[in-house]
Amino acid sequence: MSLTSPSLIHVGQHGTSASGFATIAWLETTPDDWPHVTQDWDETRAHVTHRHRIPVDTEILRSVEPESSIVKHRRQRALSNALHTISNQNIRIGSVYTRTTPDTHRTEQDALHTALLRQINTRLADDCKFGILFTTTELPPPPKLGLNRILETATPAHTSAGTQMANIIAWAAHQHLTHHDQPNFCWDLYQDLRHIDIYGEPLAIDTETDWLEPDLAISNCKR
C-alpha cells in the first residue's frame, strides 16, 4: 500500500461495568476493498431486515423491540449472519480487552482505547502507512499528541457500516471472554474470526503501561 492509499480503520466497543471487562475491536481495510465490504454488508442488513425484522437503521445488537424468546432468537440469527459476512471479507481485525471493576470501568475503557490507538499508530509507522480512523461517538476522542499516523473522525454507529461491524466483533470477543448470555450460541462465535484476526484471539492490554508490544501482532490472516 502506498502513502497515498491510507488504511481505513473502524473502531467499536462492547462491555458493561457488571461484566468485569472492557473490550474494543477494530477492522482495517483498503479504499479499494471497502466498496466490496460495504456492498456485502448492505446485502446482509437487507437480509436481516427481511428475515429477522431488525431495521437497517438499527444496530443488530440494539434491537428496540421488547425482549422475548422470539426477539432473542431473531437477534441470534441476525448476529450469526453478520459474523459470517464479516469473516468472509478481505479485511484485518483485532480485539483488545482489559479487566475492570464497576467503579473503574469507564476510566479503564478510555485508557484501553488510548492504548489501542497508540499501538495502531506504531504499527502504521512501522509499515510506512497512514490511517483514517472511524471511531464511535461512544468512545472518547483520541489523545491530541502521539498519533501522527492517524486522521480521526467520529460517526454515529447506526449510520456507519464499519462501526456496526466493529461493534459486533467487539461483542463476539466480549462473549468469548465472559461466557455470558446463551452460552451455546455465543461462546464459540469468535472462532469464526480467528483467521482474519492479526492477534489470533482477543488480546489483553495493560492500561497502566498504555502499550502493546508490536511483536505480539503476528499475522495469521489471509492478507
Protein backbone atom coordinates (compact mmCIF):
# COMPACT_ATOMS: atom_id res chain seq x y z
CA MET A 1 0.00 0.00 0.00
CA SER A 2 1.38 3.42 -0.92
CA LEU A 3 1.32 6.51 1.26
CA THR A 4 -1.46 7.90 -0.95
CA SER A 5 -3.67 4.90 -0.16
CA PRO A 6 -4.33 5.01 3.61
CA SER A 7 -5.73 2.19 5.67
CA LEU A 8 -9.38 2.61 6.65
CA ILE A 9 -9.79 1.64 10.30
CA HIS A 10 -13.13 1.35 12.09
CA VAL A 11 -13.28 1.00 15.87
CA GLY A 12 -16.11 -0.37 18.03
CA GLN A 13 -16.59 -1.37 21.64
CA HIS A 14 -18.58 -3.62 23.93
CA GLY A 15 -18.66 -4.23 27.64
CA THR A 16 -20.53 -3.39 30.81
CA SER A 17 -19.37 -2.48 34.28
CA ALA A 18 -21.04 -5.63 35.61
CA SER A 19 -19.10 -7.97 33.29
CA GLY A 20 -15.65 -7.02 34.58
CA PHE A 21 -14.28 -6.47 31.07
CA ALA A 22 -13.95 -3.62 28.61
CA THR A 23 -13.47 -4.78 25.03
CA ILE A 24 -12.57 -2.74 21.95
CA ALA A 25 -12.28 -4.09 18.41
CA TRP A 26 -11.18 -2.69 15.08
CA LEU A 27 -11.31 -3.68 11.46
CA GLU A 28 -8.94 -2.46 8.77
CA THR A 29 -9.21 -2.50 5.01
CA THR A 30 -8.10 -0.55 1.93
CA PRO A 31 -10.01 2.04 -0.10
CA ASP A 32 -10.09 -0.45 -2.99
CA ASP A 33 -11.64 -3.23 -0.90
CA TRP A 34 -14.03 -1.05 1.12
CA PRO A 35 -16.77 -0.78 -1.55
CA HIS A 36 -16.96 -4.59 -1.74
CA VAL A 37 -17.11 -4.85 2.05
CA THR A 38 -19.93 -2.33 2.31
CA GLN A 39 -21.84 -3.93 -0.55
CA ASP A 40 -21.77 -7.31 1.22
CA TRP A 41 -22.73 -5.66 4.50
CA ASP A 42 -25.67 -3.82 2.92
CA GLU A 43 -26.90 -7.11 1.45
CA THR A 44 -26.61 -8.75 4.87
CA ARG A 45 -28.52 -5.93 6.54
CA ALA A 46 -31.27 -6.17 3.89
CA HIS A 47 -31.48 -9.92 4.59
CA VAL A 48 -31.60 -9.28 8.34
CA THR A 49 -34.40 -6.76 7.88
CA HIS A 50 -36.41 -9.15 5.70
CA ARG A 51 -35.86 -12.33 7.72
CA HIS A 52 -35.35 -11.10 11.28
CA ARG A 53 -37.25 -7.78 11.30
CA ILE A 54 -34.37 -5.62 12.51
CA PRO A 55 -34.50 -2.30 10.60
CA VAL A 56 -31.45 -1.24 8.60
CA ASP A 57 -31.07 1.94 10.68
CA THR A 58 -30.98 -0.06 13.95
CA GLU A 59 -27.83 -1.79 15.15
CA ILE A 60 -28.31 -5.56 15.36
CA LEU A 61 -27.04 -5.51 18.94
CA ARG A 62 -29.57 -2.84 19.92
CA SER A 63 -32.97 -4.02 18.81
CA VAL A 64 -35.60 -1.75 20.30
CA GLU A 65 -38.31 -4.43 20.40
CA PRO A 66 -39.45 -5.68 23.82
CA GLU A 67 -37.32 -8.67 24.78
CA SER A 68 -38.90 -12.07 24.23
CA SER A 69 -37.73 -15.53 23.19
CA ILE A 70 -38.74 -14.77 19.60
CA VAL A 71 -36.88 -11.43 19.53
CA LYS A 72 -33.83 -13.05 21.12
CA HIS A 73 -33.86 -15.83 18.52
CA ARG A 74 -34.11 -13.29 15.70
CA ARG A 75 -31.16 -11.35 17.07
CA GLN A 76 -29.09 -14.53 17.43
CA ARG A 77 -29.75 -15.49 13.82
CA ALA A 78 -29.01 -11.94 12.67
CA LEU A 79 -25.69 -11.90 14.56
CA SER A 80 -24.73 -15.26 13.03
CA ASN A 81 -25.45 -13.83 9.57
CA ALA A 82 -23.44 -10.70 10.36
CA LEU A 83 -20.41 -12.59 11.67
CA HIS A 84 -20.46 -14.89 8.66
CA THR A 85 -20.35 -11.85 6.37
CA ILE A 86 -17.53 -10.23 8.37
CA SER A 87 -15.45 -13.42 8.42
CA ASN A 88 -15.53 -13.66 4.62
CA GLN A 89 -14.27 -10.14 3.89
CA ASN A 90 -10.81 -9.09 2.72
CA ILE A 91 -10.13 -7.26 5.99
CA ARG A 92 -7.91 -7.49 9.03
CA ILE A 93 -9.33 -7.27 12.52
CA GLY A 94 -8.21 -7.27 16.13
CA SER A 95 -9.74 -7.02 19.58
CA VAL A 96 -8.22 -5.99 22.87
CA TYR A 97 -9.52 -6.03 26.40
CA THR A 98 -8.77 -5.14 29.99
CA ARG A 99 -10.33 -6.19 33.27
CA THR A 100 -12.37 -3.59 35.11
CA THR A 101 -14.39 -3.03 38.25
CA PRO A 102 -17.78 -1.31 38.43
CA ASP A 103 -16.07 1.81 39.81
CA THR A 104 -13.27 1.92 37.23
CA HIS A 105 -14.98 0.59 34.10
CA ARG A 106 -15.27 3.85 32.16
CA THR A 107 -11.79 5.00 33.12
CA GLU A 108 -10.27 1.66 32.15
CA GLN A 109 -12.22 1.60 28.86
CA ASP A 110 -10.94 5.07 27.97
CA ALA A 111 -7.37 4.05 28.83
CA LEU A 112 -7.78 0.89 26.74
CA HIS A 113 -8.94 2.98 23.78
CA THR A 114 -5.90 5.27 24.06
CA ALA A 115 -3.52 2.31 24.34
CA LEU A 116 -5.03 0.66 21.28
CA LEU A 117 -4.77 3.81 19.17
CA ARG A 118 -1.12 4.21 20.14
CA GLN A 119 -0.46 0.61 19.10
CA ILE A 120 -2.22 1.12 15.76
CA ASN A 121 -0.21 4.30 15.21
CA THR A 122 3.04 2.42 15.90
CA ARG A 123 2.09 -0.38 13.51
CA LEU A 124 1.24 2.11 10.77
CA ALA A 125 4.55 3.91 11.29
CA ASP A 126 6.48 0.62 11.13
CA ASP A 127 4.72 -0.18 7.83
CA CYS A 128 5.24 3.37 6.46
CA LYS A 129 1.46 3.80 6.21
CA PHE A 130 -1.16 6.28 7.29
CA GLY A 131 -4.67 5.51 8.50
CA ILE A 132 -8.07 7.16 8.58
CA LEU A 133 -9.74 6.19 11.85
CA PHE A 134 -13.53 5.99 12.08
CA THR A 135 -14.42 5.74 15.75
CA THR A 136 -17.73 5.60 17.56
CA THR A 137 -19.09 8.61 19.42
CA GLU A 138 -19.37 6.30 22.46
CA LEU A 139 -15.58 6.28 22.82
CA PRO A 140 -13.53 9.29 23.94
CA PRO A 141 -11.66 11.49 21.45
CA PRO A 142 -8.13 10.28 20.65
CA PRO A 143 -5.22 11.89 22.51
CA LYS A 144 -4.05 15.14 20.96
CA LEU A 145 -0.41 14.10 20.76
CA GLY A 146 1.43 11.00 19.57
CA LEU A 147 -0.91 9.83 16.79
CA ASN A 148 0.91 11.30 13.82
CA ARG A 149 -0.13 8.46 11.51
CA ILE A 150 -3.87 8.64 12.15
CA LEU A 151 -6.56 11.03 10.98
CA GLU A 152 -9.65 10.57 13.19
CA THR A 153 -13.33 11.12 12.55
CA ALA A 154 -16.30 10.07 14.72
CA THR A 155 -19.55 8.73 13.27
CA PRO A 156 -22.80 7.53 14.87
CA ALA A 157 -22.76 3.73 14.89
CA HIS A 158 -26.18 3.32 13.28
CA THR A 159 -25.04 5.20 10.16
CA SER A 160 -21.63 3.55 9.78
CA ALA A 161 -21.28 0.07 8.33
CA GLY A 162 -17.71 -0.19 9.60
CA THR A 163 -18.59 0.84 13.15
CA GLN A 164 -21.53 -1.60 13.21
CA MET A 165 -19.19 -4.42 12.16
CA ALA A 166 -16.52 -3.37 14.68
CA ASN A 167 -19.13 -3.29 17.47
CA ILE A 168 -20.21 -6.83 16.55
CA ILE A 169 -16.58 -8.01 16.53
CA ALA A 170 -16.13 -6.44 19.98
CA TRP A 171 -19.34 -8.13 21.17
CA ALA A 172 -18.16 -11.53 19.92
CA ALA A 173 -14.79 -11.03 21.64
CA HIS A 174 -16.55 -9.99 24.83
CA GLN A 175 -18.74 -13.10 24.80
CA HIS A 176 -15.66 -15.23 24.17
CA LEU A 177 -14.06 -13.71 27.27
CA THR A 178 -17.03 -13.69 29.63
CA HIS A 179 -19.21 -16.63 28.50
CA HIS A 180 -22.35 -14.57 29.15
CA ASP A 181 -25.79 -14.81 27.54
CA GLN A 182 -26.90 -18.01 25.82
CA PRO A 183 -23.60 -19.89 26.10
CA ASN A 184 -24.40 -22.48 23.42
CA PHE A 185 -24.87 -19.64 20.97
CA CYS A 186 -22.20 -17.13 21.99
CA TRP A 187 -19.15 -18.85 23.35
CA ASP A 188 -17.60 -20.08 20.10
CA LEU A 189 -18.56 -17.25 17.74
CA TYR A 190 -15.12 -15.66 17.82
CA GLN A 191 -13.62 -18.86 16.41
CA ASP A 192 -15.02 -17.89 13.01
CA LEU A 193 -12.99 -14.66 13.09
CA ARG A 194 -9.60 -16.02 14.10
CA HIS A 195 -8.30 -16.33 10.53
CA ILE A 196 -8.63 -12.56 9.98
CA ASP A 197 -7.52 -11.52 13.49
CA ILE A 198 -3.89 -10.33 13.48
CA TYR A 199 -3.55 -11.47 17.10
CA GLY A 200 -5.44 -14.74 16.64
CA GLU A 201 -7.64 -14.05 19.66
CA PRO A 202 -8.71 -11.19 21.97
CA LEU A 203 -5.54 -9.71 23.43
CA ALA A 204 -5.09 -8.24 26.91
CA ILE A 205 -3.63 -4.75 27.23
CA ASP A 206 -2.13 -3.42 30.43
CA THR A 207 -3.72 0.02 30.59
CA GLU A 208 -1.21 1.12 33.21
CA THR A 209 1.58 0.96 30.62
CA ASP A 210 -0.64 2.01 27.70
CA TRP A 211 1.44 -0.23 25.49
CA LEU A 212 1.11 -3.33 23.40
CA GLU A 213 4.22 -4.98 22.01
CA PRO A 214 4.04 -4.83 18.19
CA ASP A 215 5.75 -8.24 18.01
CA LEU A 216 2.63 -9.77 19.56
CA ALA A 217 0.64 -8.84 16.46
CA ILE A 218 1.78 -11.81 14.42
CA SER A 219 -0.48 -12.02 11.42
CA ASN A 220 -2.24 -15.29 10.75
CA CYS A 221 -4.71 -13.79 8.30
CA LYS A 222 -5.20 -14.18 4.57
CA ARG A 223 -3.74 -10.80 3.59
